N, C-alpha and C. Protein backbone atom coordinates (compact mmCIF):
# COMPACT_ATOMS: atom_id res chain seq x y z
N MET A 1 0.66 -0.92 0.10
CA MET A 1 0.19 0.37 -0.18
C MET A 1 0.80 1.19 0.16
N ARG A 2 0.85 1.67 -0.94
CA ARG A 2 1.63 2.92 -1.04
C ARG A 2 0.76 4.50 -0.05
N GLN A 3 1.64 4.98 0.82
CA GLN A 3 1.00 5.91 1.58
C GLN A 3 0.59 6.89 1.12
N VAL A 4 -0.75 7.51 1.41
CA VAL A 4 -1.44 9.03 0.76
C VAL A 4 -0.13 10.41 1.06
N GLN A 5 0.13 11.07 0.28
CA GLN A 5 1.38 12.02 0.59
C GLN A 5 0.73 13.20 0.90
N ALA A 6 -0.66 13.33 -0.08
CA ALA A 6 -1.23 14.55 -0.16
C ALA A 6 -3.18 14.48 -0.08
N VAL A 7 -3.61 15.49 0.17
CA VAL A 7 -4.83 15.81 0.04
C VAL A 7 -5.46 16.90 -0.88
N VAL A 8 -6.15 16.37 -2.15
CA VAL A 8 -6.24 17.57 -2.68
C VAL A 8 -8.04 17.79 -3.00
N LYS A 9 -8.06 19.24 -2.31
CA LYS A 9 -9.43 19.69 -1.51
C LYS A 9 -9.61 20.74 -2.87
N VAL A 10 -11.01 20.03 -3.47
CA VAL A 10 -11.15 21.09 -4.84
C VAL A 10 -12.53 21.40 -4.31
N GLY A 11 -12.34 23.08 -4.22
CA GLY A 11 -13.42 23.74 -3.81
C GLY A 11 -14.59 23.30 -4.61
N GLY A 12 -15.67 23.34 -3.75
CA GLY A 12 -17.01 23.52 -4.83
C GLY A 12 -17.33 24.78 -5.60
N SER A 13 -16.97 26.13 -5.24
CA SER A 13 -17.24 27.13 -6.18
C SER A 13 -16.23 26.96 -7.50
N LEU A 14 -15.50 25.95 -7.78
CA LEU A 14 -15.03 26.32 -8.80
C LEU A 14 -15.77 25.58 -10.00
N SER A 15 -17.15 24.60 -9.75
CA SER A 15 -18.11 24.80 -10.41
C SER A 15 -18.82 25.44 -11.06
N GLY A 16 -18.41 26.48 -10.41
CA GLY A 16 -19.13 27.98 -11.51
C GLY A 16 -18.23 28.59 -12.17
N VAL A 17 -17.09 27.95 -12.49
CA VAL A 17 -15.53 28.63 -13.55
C VAL A 17 -15.91 28.24 -14.42
N ARG A 18 -16.54 28.17 -15.45
CA ARG A 18 -16.37 27.51 -16.99
C ARG A 18 -15.12 26.59 -17.57
N GLY A 19 -15.52 25.08 -17.71
CA GLY A 19 -14.36 24.37 -17.84
C GLY A 19 -13.42 24.07 -16.63
N ALA A 20 -13.29 24.71 -15.58
CA ALA A 20 -12.14 24.70 -14.51
C ALA A 20 -11.89 23.35 -13.99
N LEU A 21 -13.59 22.86 -13.85
CA LEU A 21 -13.83 21.30 -13.26
C LEU A 21 -12.99 20.04 -14.15
N ARG A 22 -13.11 20.46 -15.38
CA ARG A 22 -12.77 19.27 -16.23
C ARG A 22 -11.07 19.32 -16.63
N ALA A 23 -10.86 20.58 -16.35
CA ALA A 23 -9.02 20.83 -16.53
C ALA A 23 -8.65 20.32 -15.28
N LEU A 24 -9.11 20.52 -14.01
CA LEU A 24 -8.62 20.40 -12.92
C LEU A 24 -8.53 18.60 -12.66
N GLY A 25 -9.77 18.42 -13.31
CA GLY A 25 -9.72 16.57 -13.01
C GLY A 25 -8.70 16.12 -14.11
N ALA A 26 -8.47 16.25 -14.95
CA ALA A 26 -7.69 15.58 -15.74
C ALA A 26 -6.24 15.97 -15.44
N ALA A 27 -5.96 16.79 -14.66
CA ALA A 27 -4.42 17.59 -14.16
C ALA A 27 -4.60 16.09 -12.75
N LEU A 28 -5.30 16.24 -12.28
CA LEU A 28 -5.78 15.39 -10.93
C LEU A 28 -5.32 13.89 -11.29
N ALA A 29 -5.80 13.48 -12.61
CA ALA A 29 -5.46 12.01 -12.49
C ALA A 29 -4.29 12.01 -13.20
N GLU A 30 -3.87 13.22 -13.69
CA GLU A 30 -2.20 12.51 -13.87
C GLU A 30 -1.38 13.10 -12.84
N GLY A 31 -1.85 14.07 -11.98
CA GLY A 31 -0.96 13.59 -10.54
C GLY A 31 -0.66 12.88 -10.09
N ALA A 32 -2.14 11.68 -9.91
CA ALA A 32 -2.15 10.89 -9.26
C ALA A 32 -1.46 9.75 -9.31
N GLN A 33 -0.15 9.75 -10.58
CA GLN A 33 -0.04 8.63 -11.27
C GLN A 33 1.42 8.96 -10.70
N THR A 34 1.81 10.34 -9.73
CA THR A 34 3.01 10.06 -9.32
C THR A 34 3.09 10.27 -8.46
N VAL A 35 1.99 11.03 -7.69
CA VAL A 35 1.64 11.37 -6.07
C VAL A 35 0.46 10.36 -5.61
N PRO A 36 0.87 9.64 -4.79
CA PRO A 36 -0.61 9.12 -3.82
C PRO A 36 -1.40 9.99 -3.48
N LEU A 37 -2.21 10.74 -4.09
CA LEU A 37 -3.54 11.46 -3.10
C LEU A 37 -4.53 11.32 -3.04
N VAL A 38 -5.20 11.45 -2.26
CA VAL A 38 -6.56 11.87 -2.47
C VAL A 38 -7.47 13.13 -2.68
N VAL A 39 -8.42 13.27 -3.18
CA VAL A 39 -8.92 14.31 -3.16
C VAL A 39 -10.56 14.43 -2.76
N MET A 40 -10.23 15.55 -1.93
CA MET A 40 -11.74 15.85 -1.33
C MET A 40 -12.33 17.10 -1.69
N PRO A 41 -13.50 16.71 -1.45
CA PRO A 41 -14.68 17.74 -2.30
C PRO A 41 -15.08 18.82 -1.64
N GLY A 42 -15.35 20.42 -1.72
CA GLY A 42 -15.71 20.73 -0.97
C GLY A 42 -17.45 20.57 -0.80
N GLY A 43 -18.00 21.82 -0.74
CA GLY A 43 -19.48 21.60 -0.96
C GLY A 43 -20.37 22.59 -1.63
N GLY A 44 -19.48 24.03 -2.02
CA GLY A 44 -20.08 24.34 -3.58
C GLY A 44 -21.31 24.81 -3.32
N PRO A 45 -22.25 24.84 -4.50
CA PRO A 45 -23.72 25.14 -4.37
C PRO A 45 -24.55 23.89 -3.69
N PHE A 46 -24.07 23.28 -3.59
CA PHE A 46 -24.60 22.43 -2.34
C PHE A 46 -24.95 22.98 -1.00
N ALA A 47 -23.38 23.19 -0.70
CA ALA A 47 -23.48 23.75 0.95
C ALA A 47 -23.92 25.01 0.95
N ASP A 48 -24.07 25.75 -0.18
CA ASP A 48 -24.53 26.98 -0.33
C ASP A 48 -26.41 27.36 -0.24
N VAL A 49 -26.59 25.88 -0.82
CA VAL A 49 -28.21 25.37 -0.73
C VAL A 49 -28.81 25.67 0.74
N VAL A 50 -28.18 24.44 1.27
CA VAL A 50 -28.01 24.43 3.04
C VAL A 50 -27.94 25.46 3.82
N ARG A 51 -27.03 26.61 3.59
CA ARG A 51 -26.59 28.13 4.01
C ARG A 51 -27.67 28.76 4.05
N ALA A 52 -28.11 28.93 2.36
CA ALA A 52 -29.66 29.85 2.33
C ALA A 52 -30.77 29.04 3.08
N PHE A 53 -31.23 27.91 3.15
CA PHE A 53 -32.11 27.07 3.87
C PHE A 53 -32.04 27.58 5.36
N ASP A 54 -30.50 27.51 5.95
CA ASP A 54 -30.59 27.36 7.36
C ASP A 54 -30.61 29.05 7.63
N HIS A 55 -30.42 30.21 6.97
CA HIS A 55 -30.86 31.67 6.78
C HIS A 55 -32.67 31.91 7.03
N ARG A 56 -33.05 30.86 6.22
CA ARG A 56 -34.68 31.11 5.88
C ARG A 56 -35.06 30.53 6.99
N THR A 57 -34.38 29.16 7.69
CA THR A 57 -35.64 28.50 8.22
C THR A 57 -35.09 28.20 10.05
N GLY A 58 -33.46 28.59 10.01
CA GLY A 58 -33.11 28.48 11.50
C GLY A 58 -32.85 27.30 11.56
N LEU A 59 -32.02 26.47 10.99
CA LEU A 59 -31.94 25.02 11.56
C LEU A 59 -30.88 24.92 12.76
N SER A 60 -30.73 23.84 13.03
CA SER A 60 -29.98 23.54 14.35
C SER A 60 -28.44 23.38 13.80
N PRO A 61 -27.51 24.03 14.42
CA PRO A 61 -26.13 23.79 14.08
C PRO A 61 -25.92 22.34 13.82
N ASP A 62 -26.80 21.51 14.39
CA ASP A 62 -25.97 19.82 13.77
C ASP A 62 -26.57 19.46 12.40
N SER A 63 -28.14 19.55 12.27
CA SER A 63 -28.62 19.65 11.15
C SER A 63 -27.90 20.29 9.56
N ALA A 64 -27.51 21.26 9.94
CA ALA A 64 -26.65 22.52 8.90
C ALA A 64 -25.47 22.00 8.63
N HIS A 65 -24.81 20.90 9.69
CA HIS A 65 -23.83 20.76 9.81
C HIS A 65 -23.42 19.79 9.14
N TRP A 66 -24.57 18.54 9.30
CA TRP A 66 -24.45 17.25 8.16
C TRP A 66 -25.08 17.63 6.75
N MET A 67 -26.15 18.49 7.14
CA MET A 67 -26.59 18.70 5.52
C MET A 67 -25.57 18.95 4.52
N ALA A 68 -24.55 19.87 5.12
CA ALA A 68 -23.75 20.91 4.49
C ALA A 68 -22.46 19.58 4.16
N ILE A 69 -22.15 18.59 4.82
CA ILE A 69 -21.65 17.66 4.51
C ILE A 69 -21.79 16.74 3.55
N LEU A 70 -23.00 16.19 3.63
CA LEU A 70 -24.23 15.71 2.71
C LEU A 70 -23.73 16.42 1.15
N GLY A 71 -24.03 17.31 1.23
CA GLY A 71 -23.70 18.56 -0.05
C GLY A 71 -22.15 18.17 -0.47
N MET A 72 -21.07 18.09 0.02
CA MET A 72 -20.01 17.75 -0.22
C MET A 72 -19.68 16.36 -0.77
N ASP A 73 -20.37 15.45 -0.18
CA ASP A 73 -20.57 13.84 -0.44
C ASP A 73 -21.64 14.14 -2.20
N GLN A 74 -22.50 14.89 -2.14
CA GLN A 74 -22.57 15.14 -3.55
C GLN A 74 -21.61 15.52 -4.92
N PHE A 75 -21.07 16.97 -4.58
CA PHE A 75 -19.83 17.18 -4.95
C PHE A 75 -19.10 16.10 -5.52
N ALA A 76 -18.37 15.05 -4.70
CA ALA A 76 -18.14 14.11 -5.18
C ALA A 76 -18.35 13.57 -6.03
N TYR A 77 -19.38 13.11 -6.34
CA TYR A 77 -20.38 12.09 -7.63
C TYR A 77 -19.95 13.22 -8.59
N ALA A 78 -20.13 14.42 -8.92
CA ALA A 78 -19.62 15.28 -9.98
C ALA A 78 -18.25 15.12 -10.05
N LEU A 79 -17.46 15.02 -9.00
CA LEU A 79 -16.17 14.71 -9.22
C LEU A 79 -15.76 13.58 -10.25
N LEU A 80 -16.50 12.57 -9.35
CA LEU A 80 -16.32 11.44 -10.37
C LEU A 80 -16.45 11.28 -11.24
N ASP A 81 -17.08 12.57 -12.11
CA ASP A 81 -17.54 12.68 -13.48
C ASP A 81 -16.53 13.24 -14.01
N VAL A 82 -15.42 13.89 -13.64
CA VAL A 82 -14.55 14.82 -14.47
C VAL A 82 -13.04 14.27 -14.06
N ILE A 83 -13.06 13.25 -13.31
CA ILE A 83 -11.48 12.72 -13.33
C ILE A 83 -11.50 11.39 -13.55
N PRO A 84 -10.56 11.49 -14.52
CA PRO A 84 -10.51 10.15 -15.14
C PRO A 84 -9.97 9.21 -14.25
N GLY A 85 -10.41 7.76 -14.00
CA GLY A 85 -9.99 7.19 -13.34
C GLY A 85 -10.68 7.23 -11.81
N ALA A 86 -11.26 7.70 -11.34
CA ALA A 86 -11.59 7.77 -10.32
C ALA A 86 -12.40 7.19 -9.27
N ALA A 87 -12.56 6.86 -8.50
CA ALA A 87 -12.93 5.76 -7.57
C ALA A 87 -13.50 6.90 -6.30
N LEU A 88 -15.02 6.27 -6.14
CA LEU A 88 -15.53 6.81 -4.91
C LEU A 88 -15.07 5.85 -3.70
N ALA A 89 -14.42 6.88 -2.48
CA ALA A 89 -14.22 6.17 -1.46
C ALA A 89 -15.27 6.73 -0.15
N LEU A 90 -15.16 6.07 0.65
CA LEU A 90 -16.19 5.94 1.72
C LEU A 90 -15.34 6.23 3.55
N ASP A 91 -14.23 5.51 2.95
CA ASP A 91 -13.26 5.84 4.51
C ASP A 91 -11.80 5.08 4.03
N ARG A 92 -11.34 5.02 4.69
CA ARG A 92 -9.60 4.66 4.62
C ARG A 92 -9.34 3.66 3.72
N SER A 93 -10.00 2.54 4.16
CA SER A 93 -9.61 1.27 3.18
C SER A 93 -10.23 1.71 1.88
N ALA A 94 -11.17 2.31 1.48
CA ALA A 94 -11.59 2.49 0.09
C ALA A 94 -10.65 3.41 -0.43
N ILE A 95 -9.86 4.13 0.27
CA ILE A 95 -8.88 5.00 -0.35
C ILE A 95 -7.86 4.17 -0.50
N GLU A 96 -7.04 3.20 0.21
CA GLU A 96 -6.27 2.65 0.17
C GLU A 96 -6.15 1.62 -1.10
N ALA A 97 -7.76 0.98 -1.46
CA ALA A 97 -7.73 -0.03 -2.26
C ALA A 97 -7.62 0.95 -3.34
N ALA A 98 -7.99 2.11 -3.60
CA ALA A 98 -8.13 3.13 -4.74
C ALA A 98 -7.10 3.30 -5.44
N ILE A 99 -5.76 3.79 -4.61
CA ILE A 99 -4.61 3.86 -4.62
C ILE A 99 -3.68 2.87 -5.07
N ASP A 100 -4.18 1.48 -4.49
CA ASP A 100 -3.56 0.35 -4.81
C ASP A 100 -3.57 -0.24 -6.07
N ARG A 101 -4.49 0.34 -6.62
CA ARG A 101 -5.63 0.23 -8.15
C ARG A 101 -4.76 1.48 -8.75
N HIS A 102 -4.22 2.09 -8.64
CA HIS A 102 -3.77 2.94 -9.63
C HIS A 102 -4.89 3.97 -10.11
N ARG A 103 -6.31 4.18 -9.27
CA ARG A 103 -7.20 4.81 -9.16
C ARG A 103 -7.09 6.18 -8.64
N VAL A 104 -7.62 7.28 -8.96
CA VAL A 104 -7.55 8.65 -8.07
C VAL A 104 -8.98 8.33 -6.84
N PRO A 105 -8.90 8.18 -5.59
CA PRO A 105 -9.87 8.09 -4.78
C PRO A 105 -10.69 9.89 -4.44
N VAL A 106 -12.02 9.88 -4.80
CA VAL A 106 -12.42 10.83 -4.07
C VAL A 106 -13.19 10.35 -3.26
N LEU A 107 -12.79 11.40 -2.03
CA LEU A 107 -13.84 10.89 -0.55
C LEU A 107 -14.80 11.65 -0.41
N ALA A 108 -16.15 10.76 -0.02
CA ALA A 108 -17.57 11.18 -0.15
C ALA A 108 -17.16 11.03 1.82
N PRO A 109 -17.00 12.25 2.45
CA PRO A 109 -16.70 12.28 3.69
C PRO A 109 -17.85 12.20 4.72
N TYR A 110 -19.30 11.99 4.42
CA TYR A 110 -20.08 11.82 5.64
C TYR A 110 -19.89 10.98 6.43
N ARG A 111 -19.96 9.93 5.75
CA ARG A 111 -19.98 8.62 6.51
C ARG A 111 -18.73 8.36 8.01
N TRP A 112 -17.45 8.44 7.09
CA TRP A 112 -16.43 8.69 8.40
C TRP A 112 -16.60 10.03 9.07
N LEU A 113 -16.78 10.94 8.63
CA LEU A 113 -16.87 12.10 9.41
C LEU A 113 -18.04 11.95 10.47
N ARG A 114 -19.11 10.98 10.24
CA ARG A 114 -20.04 11.13 10.93
C ARG A 114 -19.54 9.73 12.56
N GLU A 115 -18.78 9.03 11.85
CA GLU A 115 -18.55 8.23 12.75
C GLU A 115 -17.06 8.56 14.07
N THR A 116 -16.01 9.66 13.13
CA THR A 116 -15.26 10.27 14.33
C THR A 116 -15.76 11.81 14.66
N ASP A 117 -16.56 12.50 13.91
CA ASP A 117 -17.52 13.56 15.10
C ASP A 117 -16.62 14.37 15.44
N ALA A 118 -15.28 14.79 15.06
CA ALA A 118 -14.40 15.45 15.96
C ALA A 118 -14.56 16.59 16.24
N LEU A 119 -15.30 17.48 14.92
CA LEU A 119 -15.19 18.99 14.61
C LEU A 119 -16.12 19.78 15.07
N PRO A 120 -16.08 21.08 15.60
CA PRO A 120 -17.70 21.81 15.94
C PRO A 120 -18.43 22.06 14.84
N HIS A 121 -19.58 21.87 14.94
CA HIS A 121 -20.54 21.68 14.26
C HIS A 121 -21.48 23.16 14.12
N THR A 122 -20.42 24.36 12.88
CA THR A 122 -20.71 25.53 12.69
C THR A 122 -20.04 25.96 11.57
N TRP A 123 -20.47 27.27 10.80
CA TRP A 123 -20.67 27.44 9.74
C TRP A 123 -19.01 27.96 9.84
N GLU A 124 -18.33 28.33 11.16
CA GLU A 124 -16.99 28.06 11.02
C GLU A 124 -16.28 27.72 10.73
N VAL A 125 -17.06 26.37 10.61
CA VAL A 125 -15.88 24.88 10.14
C VAL A 125 -16.54 24.22 8.66
N THR A 126 -15.60 24.71 7.38
CA THR A 126 -15.83 24.61 6.35
C THR A 126 -15.80 23.01 5.77
N SER A 127 -15.23 22.64 4.52
CA SER A 127 -14.71 21.77 3.69
C SER A 127 -13.44 22.33 3.84
N ASP A 128 -12.57 23.51 4.10
CA ASP A 128 -11.27 23.36 4.17
C ASP A 128 -10.89 22.85 5.48
N SER A 129 -11.30 23.20 6.58
CA SER A 129 -11.17 22.38 7.97
C SER A 129 -11.55 21.07 8.25
N LEU A 130 -12.42 20.76 7.22
CA LEU A 130 -12.32 18.87 7.22
C LEU A 130 -11.17 18.56 6.29
N ALA A 131 -10.92 19.20 5.05
CA ALA A 131 -9.85 18.62 4.41
C ALA A 131 -8.56 18.47 5.18
N ALA A 132 -8.16 19.22 6.14
CA ALA A 132 -7.20 19.80 6.87
C ALA A 132 -7.19 18.04 7.73
N TYR A 133 -7.78 18.41 8.45
CA TYR A 133 -8.28 17.45 9.68
C TYR A 133 -8.38 15.81 9.20
N LEU A 134 -8.88 15.69 7.75
CA LEU A 134 -8.63 14.30 7.49
C LEU A 134 -7.03 13.99 6.99
N ALA A 135 -6.69 15.13 6.65
CA ALA A 135 -5.08 14.87 6.06
C ALA A 135 -4.67 14.31 7.18
N GLY A 136 -4.50 14.97 8.10
CA GLY A 136 -3.81 14.20 9.92
C GLY A 136 -4.07 12.95 9.62
N ILE A 137 -5.40 12.76 9.98
CA ILE A 137 -5.68 11.13 10.25
C ILE A 137 -4.94 10.44 8.90
N LEU A 138 -4.62 10.94 7.71
CA LEU A 138 -4.04 9.98 6.72
C LEU A 138 -3.07 10.13 6.64
N GLY A 139 -2.26 10.93 7.42
CA GLY A 139 -0.79 10.93 7.53
C GLY A 139 -0.47 11.36 6.16
N ALA A 140 -1.14 12.51 5.55
CA ALA A 140 -0.76 13.22 4.55
C ALA A 140 0.39 13.88 4.94
N LYS A 141 1.41 14.30 3.97
CA LYS A 141 2.07 15.36 4.31
C LYS A 141 1.92 16.83 3.55
N ARG A 142 1.03 16.75 2.75
CA ARG A 142 0.93 18.27 1.87
C ARG A 142 -0.76 18.03 1.73
N LEU A 143 -1.22 19.23 2.08
CA LEU A 143 -3.02 19.66 1.70
C LEU A 143 -2.74 20.91 0.87
N VAL A 144 -3.37 20.79 -0.76
CA VAL A 144 -3.77 21.81 -2.11
C VAL A 144 -4.92 22.46 -1.51
N LEU A 145 -5.26 23.35 -1.59
CA LEU A 145 -6.80 23.73 -1.29
C LEU A 145 -7.10 24.37 -2.99
N LEU A 146 -7.91 23.66 -4.24
CA LEU A 146 -7.99 24.24 -5.10
C LEU A 146 -8.81 25.25 -5.06
N LYS A 147 -8.83 26.38 -5.55
CA LYS A 147 -9.91 27.82 -5.13
C LYS A 147 -9.96 28.32 -6.54
N PRO A 148 -11.13 29.09 -6.48
CA PRO A 148 -11.56 29.92 -7.69
C PRO A 148 -10.99 31.41 -7.81
N VAL A 149 -10.38 31.72 -6.64
CA VAL A 149 -9.88 32.95 -6.71
C VAL A 149 -8.20 32.91 -6.30
N ASP A 150 -7.46 33.81 -6.68
CA ASP A 150 -5.70 33.38 -5.69
C ASP A 150 -6.27 34.23 -4.08
N GLY A 151 -5.38 33.94 -3.37
CA GLY A 151 -5.29 34.74 -2.07
C GLY A 151 -4.35 33.85 -0.95
N THR A 152 -4.20 34.04 -0.04
CA THR A 152 -3.13 33.71 0.56
C THR A 152 -4.24 32.28 1.29
N VAL A 153 -3.63 31.52 2.23
CA VAL A 153 -4.46 30.52 2.84
C VAL A 153 -5.25 31.04 4.04
N GLU A 154 -4.25 31.96 4.73
CA GLU A 154 -5.49 32.91 5.81
C GLU A 154 -6.58 33.36 5.36
N SER A 155 -6.09 34.05 4.23
CA SER A 155 -7.51 34.76 3.34
C SER A 155 -8.74 34.20 2.87
N LEU A 156 -8.23 32.75 2.65
CA LEU A 156 -8.89 31.82 2.00
C LEU A 156 -9.96 30.97 2.38
N THR A 157 -9.25 30.72 3.87
CA THR A 157 -9.94 29.53 4.78
C THR A 157 -10.71 29.87 5.81
N ASP A 158 -11.64 29.39 6.04
CA ASP A 158 -12.67 29.26 7.59
C ASP A 158 -11.67 29.94 8.72
N PRO A 159 -12.29 30.33 9.94
CA PRO A 159 -11.86 30.69 11.01
C PRO A 159 -10.95 29.53 11.54
N TYR A 160 -11.92 28.35 11.46
CA TYR A 160 -11.46 27.08 12.31
C TYR A 160 -10.29 26.59 11.85
N PHE A 161 -9.79 26.72 10.62
CA PHE A 161 -8.92 26.04 9.73
C PHE A 161 -7.18 26.03 10.36
N ARG A 162 -7.12 26.94 10.96
CA ARG A 162 -5.40 26.67 11.80
C ARG A 162 -6.06 25.71 12.87
N GLN A 163 -6.96 25.58 13.46
CA GLN A 163 -6.94 24.49 14.58
C GLN A 163 -7.29 23.18 14.13
N ALA A 164 -7.67 23.08 12.75
CA ALA A 164 -7.51 21.73 12.21
C ALA A 164 -6.72 21.34 11.57
N LEU A 165 -5.59 22.06 10.86
CA LEU A 165 -4.66 21.57 10.86
C LEU A 165 -3.35 21.07 11.41
N PRO A 166 -3.21 19.84 11.22
CA PRO A 166 -1.91 19.36 12.00
C PRO A 166 -0.81 19.86 11.92
N ASP A 167 0.08 19.48 12.87
CA ASP A 167 1.48 20.20 12.39
C ASP A 167 2.12 19.35 11.79
N GLY A 168 2.90 20.35 11.08
CA GLY A 168 3.88 19.70 10.15
C GLY A 168 3.34 19.46 8.76
N LEU A 169 2.06 19.64 8.62
CA LEU A 169 1.23 19.50 7.18
C LEU A 169 1.60 20.85 6.42
N LYS A 170 2.32 20.41 5.47
CA LYS A 170 2.27 21.49 4.36
C LYS A 170 0.89 21.89 3.40
N VAL A 171 0.62 23.22 3.63
CA VAL A 171 -0.83 23.75 3.14
C VAL A 171 -0.35 24.80 2.08
N ARG A 172 -1.48 24.59 0.73
CA ARG A 172 -0.68 25.56 -0.26
C ARG A 172 -2.51 25.94 -1.12
N SER A 173 -2.57 27.25 -0.61
CA SER A 173 -3.98 27.45 -1.89
C SER A 173 -3.51 28.10 -2.71
N VAL A 174 -4.72 27.42 -3.90
CA VAL A 174 -4.10 27.64 -5.41
C VAL A 174 -4.95 28.22 -6.44
N GLY A 175 -5.35 29.35 -6.59
CA GLY A 175 -6.02 29.68 -7.43
C GLY A 175 -5.98 29.73 -9.00
N PRO A 176 -6.63 30.81 -9.42
CA PRO A 176 -6.57 30.51 -11.10
C PRO A 176 -5.07 30.68 -11.73
N SER A 177 -4.21 31.52 -10.77
CA SER A 177 -2.64 31.64 -11.65
C SER A 177 -2.18 30.73 -11.10
N GLY A 178 -2.27 29.78 -10.42
CA GLY A 178 -1.78 28.55 -10.12
C GLY A 178 -1.80 27.45 -10.74
N TRP A 179 -3.27 27.19 -11.43
CA TRP A 179 -3.53 25.92 -11.80
C TRP A 179 -3.14 25.33 -12.43
N THR A 180 -2.16 25.97 -13.58
CA THR A 180 -1.39 25.13 -14.60
C THR A 180 0.00 24.51 -13.88
N ARG A 181 -0.25 24.92 -12.30
CA ARG A 181 1.36 24.43 -12.00
C ARG A 181 0.91 24.20 -10.64
N TRP A 182 -0.05 24.29 -10.22
CA TRP A 182 -0.13 23.27 -8.92
C TRP A 182 0.16 22.02 -8.69
N ARG A 183 0.51 20.96 -9.67
CA ARG A 183 0.94 20.12 -9.27
C ARG A 183 2.21 19.84 -8.33
N GLU A 184 2.94 21.26 -8.64
CA GLU A 184 4.20 20.94 -8.29
C GLU A 184 4.90 21.56 -6.66
N TYR A 185 3.09 21.38 -6.10
CA TYR A 185 3.13 21.92 -4.52
C TYR A 185 3.00 19.91 -3.83
N LEU A 186 2.72 19.53 -4.64
CA LEU A 186 2.54 17.96 -4.43
C LEU A 186 3.55 17.47 -4.11
N LEU A 187 4.80 17.76 -4.42
CA LEU A 187 5.70 17.09 -4.76
C LEU A 187 6.83 17.21 -3.59
N PRO A 188 7.90 16.43 -2.76
CA PRO A 188 8.23 16.75 -1.76
C PRO A 188 9.43 18.28 -1.44
N ASN A 189 10.22 17.67 -2.75
CA ASN A 189 11.07 19.00 -2.70
C ASN A 189 10.45 20.56 -3.05
N THR A 190 9.56 20.67 -2.90
CA THR A 190 9.20 22.05 -3.54
C THR A 190 8.47 22.81 -2.37
N GLY A 191 8.07 24.08 -2.69
CA GLY A 191 7.93 25.13 -1.67
C GLY A 191 6.07 24.80 -1.07
N SER A 192 6.16 25.29 -0.17
CA SER A 192 4.95 25.03 0.85
C SER A 192 3.50 25.76 0.42
């Protein structure tokens, strides 16, 4: 079993950038041939629906949290369609099996997060924090956050992100100006 080296979180908002998901999907498949990685979906438009519904109806924090994570599962299925060689993964063993078969594991995180339930149930914890948390559990060395805009990690992540980020995990936020070279952040001897 090859050890997971990187978690690549694909921001759900990228679904609103024409052609971005297909281009990044092809690049993820190519990158996975060199570096054992796991793709973590954002919530994007699916989580936005939950946010709007919560704003209108006043959901409990628990309901809003789990509904938004189910939105991440929905985006995982969309990513399966745009990443050649992708395989749905619901837990660590499915991730390991996909990597062993030279497939690209796309994590649908709801089931795994229901079992661990280690993060606060608040809108201050987004898929970025969840990606950092799961990267730690998987023992990944790098976390790449693919975003629809350029900016620093601090300016583009949620308020809880630094608490969820394990010590020693190298993290990089990559927006449109870095999409053509984001794979370089996966390799051990490149910048953080």
